[in-house]
C-alpha cells in the first residue's frame, strides 16, 4: 500500500514538473510573475507531499497500535489455553 501511495506522489511530482515546464514555455506572463507562480506551485506541491507523509505516518501508527492490541489478545488466549491444558494434565495425572 505504501508503494502505491509513493508511486502516486511520484506521478504527482512528475506531472507538476511537466506542467511547470509547459507553463513556462507558453506563459504570457513576465519572468518575475512566472517565477512567483512557479514558487507558489512548488510550495503547494511541498505542502501536499508533507500532508500525505503525515497521513501515512498516522496510518502506520494506527496499524502498529492495532497490531499490538491483537498480539496482546492472542497472547492472553494462548496463555489461557496453555493453563487449561496444564490443569487438565495435572488432573489426569493425579487420577491415574
Protein backbone atom coordinates (compact mmCIF):
# COMPACT_ATOMS: atom_id res chain seq x y z
CA UNK A 1 0.00 0.00 0.00
CA UNK A 2 2.81 2.39 0.83
CA UNK A 3 4.35 1.69 -2.59
CA UNK A 4 1.04 2.59 -4.22
CA UNK A 5 0.88 5.92 -2.38
CA UNK A 6 4.56 6.56 -3.08
CA UNK A 7 4.04 5.99 -6.78
CA UNK A 8 1.05 8.34 -6.75
CA UNK A 9 3.15 11.04 -5.10
CA UNK A 10 5.91 10.42 -7.65
CA UNK A 11 3.46 10.73 -10.54
CA UNK A 12 2.07 13.88 -8.99
CA UNK A 13 5.53 15.43 -8.72
CA UNK A 14 6.45 14.45 -12.29
CA UNK A 15 3.16 15.86 -13.54
CA UNK A 16 3.74 19.05 -11.62
CA UNK A 17 7.21 19.38 -13.15
CA UNK A 18 5.95 18.80 -16.68
CA UNK A 19 3.12 21.25 -16.12
CA UNK A 20 5.57 23.84 -14.85
CA UNK A 21 7.77 23.44 -17.91
CA UNK A 22 4.84 23.72 -20.31
CA UNK A 23 3.61 26.71 -18.34
CA UNK A 24 6.98 28.43 -18.71
CA UNK A 25 7.07 27.80 -22.45
CA UNK A 26 3.59 29.16 -23.11
CA UNK A 27 3.23 31.69 -20.32
CA UNK A 28 2.15 35.17 -21.36
CA UNK A 29 3.49 36.48 -18.07
CA UNK A 30 6.71 38.25 -17.32
CA UNK A 31 9.67 36.40 -15.87
CA UNK A 32 9.04 37.68 -12.36
CA UNK A 33 5.37 36.69 -12.46
CA UNK A 34 6.31 33.28 -13.80
CA UNK A 35 8.88 32.76 -11.06
CA UNK A 36 6.32 33.75 -8.41
CA UNK A 37 3.80 31.36 -9.94
CA UNK A 38 6.30 28.50 -10.02
CA UNK A 39 7.38 29.24 -6.47
CA UNK A 40 3.78 29.10 -5.27
CA UNK A 41 3.17 25.84 -7.13
CA UNK A 42 6.34 24.33 -5.70
CA UNK A 43 5.22 25.32 -2.21
CA UNK A 44 1.80 23.76 -2.88
CA UNK A 45 3.48 20.54 -4.04
CA UNK A 46 5.71 20.51 -0.97
CA UNK A 47 2.72 21.08 1.32
CA UNK A 48 0.81 18.27 -0.44
CA UNK A 49 3.74 15.87 -0.05
CA UNK A 50 4.13 16.76 3.64
CA UNK A 51 0.40 16.29 4.22
CA UNK A 52 0.46 12.86 2.58
CA UNK A 53 3.57 11.85 4.53
CA UNK A 54 1.88 12.92 7.77
CA UNK A 55 -1.25 10.92 6.86
CA UNK A 56 0.87 7.86 6.07
CA UNK A 57 2.71 8.20 9.37
CA UNK A 58 -0.59 8.44 11.28
CA UNK A 59 -1.98 5.42 9.43
CA UNK A 60 1.17 3.43 10.19
CA UNK A 61 0.91 4.37 13.87
CA UNK A 62 -2.71 3.21 13.91
CA UNK A 63 -1.78 -0.11 12.30
CA UNK A 64 1.06 -0.63 14.76
CA UNK A 65 -1.21 0.09 17.71
CA UNK A 66 -3.89 -2.25 16.39
CA UNK A 67 -1.27 -4.96 15.83
CA UNK A 68 -0.07 -4.59 19.42
CA UNK A 69 -3.64 -4.95 20.70
CA UNK A 70 -4.20 -8.07 18.61
CA UNK A 71 -0.89 -9.57 19.76
CA UNK A 72 -1.80 -8.99 23.42
CA UNK A 73 -5.24 -10.52 22.86
CA UNK A 74 -3.77 -13.59 21.16
CA UNK A 75 -1.14 -13.92 23.84
CA UNK A 76 -3.82 -13.88 26.54
CA UNK A 77 -5.93 -16.52 24.79
CA UNK A 78 -2.89 -18.74 24.18
CA UNK A 79 -1.83 -18.36 27.81
CA UNK A 80 -5.33 -19.33 28.95
CA UNK A 81 -5.28 -22.39 26.66
CA UNK A 82 -1.87 -23.46 27.94
CA UNK A 83 -3.01 -23.04 31.54
CA UNK A 84 -6.17 -25.08 30.88
CA UNK A 85 -4.07 -27.78 29.26
CA UNK A 86 -1.70 -27.82 32.20
CA UNK A 87 -4.57 -28.13 34.69
CA UNK A 88 -6.16 -30.93 32.66
CA UNK A 89 -2.84 -32.75 32.53
CA UNK A 90 -2.36 -32.42 36.29
CA UNK A 91 -5.91 -33.69 36.96
CA UNK A 92 -5.38 -36.59 34.59
CA UNK A 93 -2.02 -37.49 36.09
CA UNK A 94 -3.45 -37.40 39.66
CA UNK A 95 -6.35 -39.65 38.74
CA UNK A 96 -4.08 -42.20 37.02
